[in-house]
Amino acid sequence: MRVRDGRERLPRIWLGQTSKQAFHTGTADGIVIKNLILRGVSSYSPEQNSQIGPLTKVNMFYGHNGTGKTTIGNYLQDPADLLYHQCKTQPASADREVLVYNHSFMEANFHAGSQAGVFTLNEGNIEAEKTLVAAEDAIKKLLAEHQAEVIAGNGFGESQKSNKASLLDQLWALKKPFDTGPLRYCFASLNTKERLGEKLRMLPLTPSSDDFSTLAAEAEQLQSASDAELPAIPTIRFGEGDVETSSLLSEAIAGSGDSYLSALITNLGNSDWVKRGLQYPEREQCPFCQQTLQPGFYQEIQKVFDKTYEQRIAQLKALQTRYEGGVSRLRTQFKRAEYDASEYQLLIAKLDALLTQNTQKLDAKVASPSMVVALEPTGGIIDDLTDLIAEGQRKIDVFNLKVKDKKNHLEKIKTRFWVCFRSTCDAAITSARKVHEELGVKKEAKRKLADEIRLKAQAHQNVIAESKAKITNIDQSIGSINSSLTALGLNGFMVVREEGDLPRYRLQRPEQQAGVFKTLSEGEKTLISFLYFLEVCNDEYSLFRVTKAAHSMITPMKASDVQNDYQSFWQAIKDAQSEYYFTFVHRQDELQAALMALSDEDSEFKALCRYVNRESHSDAVNLTDFGAWESLGYEYDKSRFLEYTSDDIAASFKELKAPQLAALMELPCLFAYEGTRRPMRVGRLEVKLRNNGKILFVRPIIDERIDPIEFEQIKPLQAALDIRDWEINRTHWAVKDEDLLDVLQQVGLTPDTASCIANLSRLSKGVRDSIAFDAEGLEGFNDQRALKQLLHFIKEEKPFFEPRLQPEHLRSVLCVKGKHTNSRISFQSGAFLLFGDEAVLDEEGTTNITLHRIAITNKRAILKELDRLNINESTVFPYIESSAKYIAQKFAFQASE
């Protein structure tokens, strides 16, 4: 890439077609471009600036495919393009002209049949030069105006982003109260402000009669309930209530009038008292006053209380017995747990008081049959209680239906919740949307103004093109290019002048004049296009490259890293993530001989010689794919599979079918980089066969729970992992008979989430409940007293554990496979779920835990099938008691058959 400032020629920047590219930004007097700021274009973040700098005169960059190398050149070629309205250079200059050698340069200049002449001033065209200068000055002013409008538009854009951020903060604050309640499942997967905002943006505003407390109660009831249905509430039946309206109770039951004593007893109103006296044995004296009775007295008394009287008394006692039986049955029924609710107990207490009062009146009536009593009616209270029970039963029926389809009903509650939550957030959303639209109108107005300025600038560009056509002299450039081609030994084609209104170049072969560029090899195309570029620059040139840095950010190398020309090129090759070395089609044998001679003469060249000739990359295209673990996958030749693998293991993977592929994908993998000390990653591989099994397509799945492991941390573990020194320096795929995760865990290089959750159980309930999971920041969370006590327990197992506990990890659900430290776990291949604090496993599982539900309808047959496979109580629980019990049951079962 070449940079010119005004009419003065300055150094340049060159961006190549591979991942190697060049950036030269300085002159003898200083730096033309000190910083590049890119934003919102291609792979660069739209949320924050990506600053490249401070730049020196010669800058070397590196970046993987897609990290934005081409974008740098395209931006500097045309910084006024609206596509780059958020990008800028420091210092800014409207006078700067940038010449870029890249794919766009080749397309613009060589895909056509001829090339534009290189601009050189012809002394006889002063008027054309004046017109050219005037047009350039006008463009400078227009570019300044354009930049001002772009900056203003960007300001409105930034205001929109601030408005959006403020809205997201408000919505997140409204979410906070639900983080620990039964409705927290409604926010599953909405763990960022952006996701929450997007969810609410998609929801229409709908009226809702729900409130959060009702929804929380429904959700909590379902979540806390087992899969068992609630029992029905028995209805209240009191058929004995008709006793309360019996006419016998309002009747004064007295003796007959056949005795001469009847009138006296009736007048005195003492029939009940006289009747009680008959219970005493007959004798000559009265049982009450002790006076001597007249002969035949008892016979006369018996005439008063005749058979009819006794029948009425028997009927009364039957009513009493029947009523008391009904009361006793009701009181027994009311003791059931179904009636413990307060709304039931209030009515039951009122009913019980009436029943007690009525039984007392019946007792009094039986004791004094001549007494007239009226029982209190209980029908009204019983009706109220029956209605209340019916309402409760309706709720139970609804709940039982929900239990049968719990997941579906929780989803319905979730839907109702979001309708209610959207209504709560509407004020904030409406206000923010109004501000956003107002800013959008202002931003669009600035964009239109910028477009109008671009059109005016284009008119002046046309004037510049016409003026250049009048003052262009290309003969000197033609001679320079053809001389360079001859010096490089390329004699099969040359550059000639093509006459016309605007002088142009054209490629020509002795026997062909049209379409010559398409017939050139890739190396010849690169040479001729680059020589043309040099003539455009008409000055010295510098090479540079761009390859990938961490986090896809483009960063410059230090000036001290470049010691000499060879070292700079070799450094660029060695650090590449996706680098291609192209050999030219001519004199390949001489190239090999020269490289060998260099490596023999100077040991510094041995690395380059090895790079070009090593066994796995000795073809014309030399590939070192150091970034493969961050890509979506790549193809791997089967011949490279199982190198440095023991014969026993290699034999088990000789045929790669579904079981073998499944086994490979279960193995933990250590992802390393050949010939470099870059950090390694841990994960697993997704493997597919291609080309009839000759090619393995592998996609790395990085375990993000395990941080990158530095090379220096793995180096001491080589023996434990069965990794030899030469394996580190050659691309291969080995399968080792070592437990990778166990080795890494022993030295503290794997996550300790399971240990953290397990040690939670050692805290008292009060201490666990005191943990504030919403504490500000990771440091604030770990500074809690409860967390320090938990850390103490963890360090008993892992002395080097650092105080960086993640709150979300302590609330996660893990599937843990225990070490086979005893025979029972070994026989059971023991695995279990480990739940963190208040952790809830989603009904459909998680990204790491898949749930499978198996309905068993014939357990006995299944147990017999498992027994034939030697899976039974004696093998699953390998203790002598279990074995003895199994043998006894087995033979007892056979004897019964």
Foldseek 3Di string as FASTA:
>chain_A
DFKDFAPRGFFAWEQEAFQWTWGFAGHPVGGNFQKKWFADAFPHHNPDIFIAGRDDRTWFWAAAPRLQSVVVVVCLQPVLPPNGLVIATPPGALRMHHDYHYPVLCCVAPVDQFGFFFFDFDVVQVVLVVLLVVLSVLLSVLSVVLNVLSVVLVVLVVVLVVLVVVLLVVLVVLCVVVCPALLVVLCVPVPDSVSSVVVLVPDDADDAPDDPVVLRVLSVVLVPDDLDADDAQDADDQPLLVLLVDVLQQAQQWFDDPAPCQVVCVVVVCRLVVVVQVVDDDDQARPPPGHGDDPCVVVRNDNRCDPVSVVSLVVLVVSLVSLVVSLVVVVVSCVDPVQPDPVNVVLVVVLNVLSVVQSVSSVVCSSRVRDRDHRDRSVVSSVVNRVVSVVVSVVSVVVSVCSVVVVVVNVVSSVSVSNVSSNVSVVSVVVSVVSSVVSVVSSVVSVVVSVVSVVVSVVSVVSNVLSSQVGGDRPVLQVQLQVVCVVVVNDQKGWDWDDDSRIIIGIAGPVGGGPPLVVDDPVVNVSSSVSVSCSSSVDDHDTHRHHRDPPSRMYTDDPVQDDDDVSRVVVCVVPHQWDWAADDPPPPVVVLVVLVVVCVVDVVSPVVNCQCPPDVQVDRTRTFNQPQQVDQWDKDFCVQAAPLEDPVVCVVVVDDDDVNQVVQQVAKDWAAGAPDFAFIFIFGWRWDADDVRRMIIIGTDTDPQFDTHTSVRCVVCCVQQVHDPVNNHDDGHHDTPHRVVVVCVVVPRGDDLVLLQVLLVVDDPVLNVPQDLPAPDQVRNLPDPSNVVSVVSSCVVVVPDDSRDHSVSLQEKDWDQDDPPDQLCVLQSDIDIRGGDVHDADPQGDPVDGDDDDDDDCVVVVQVVVVVVVDDQCRNVVDPVSVVVVVVVVVVVVVVD
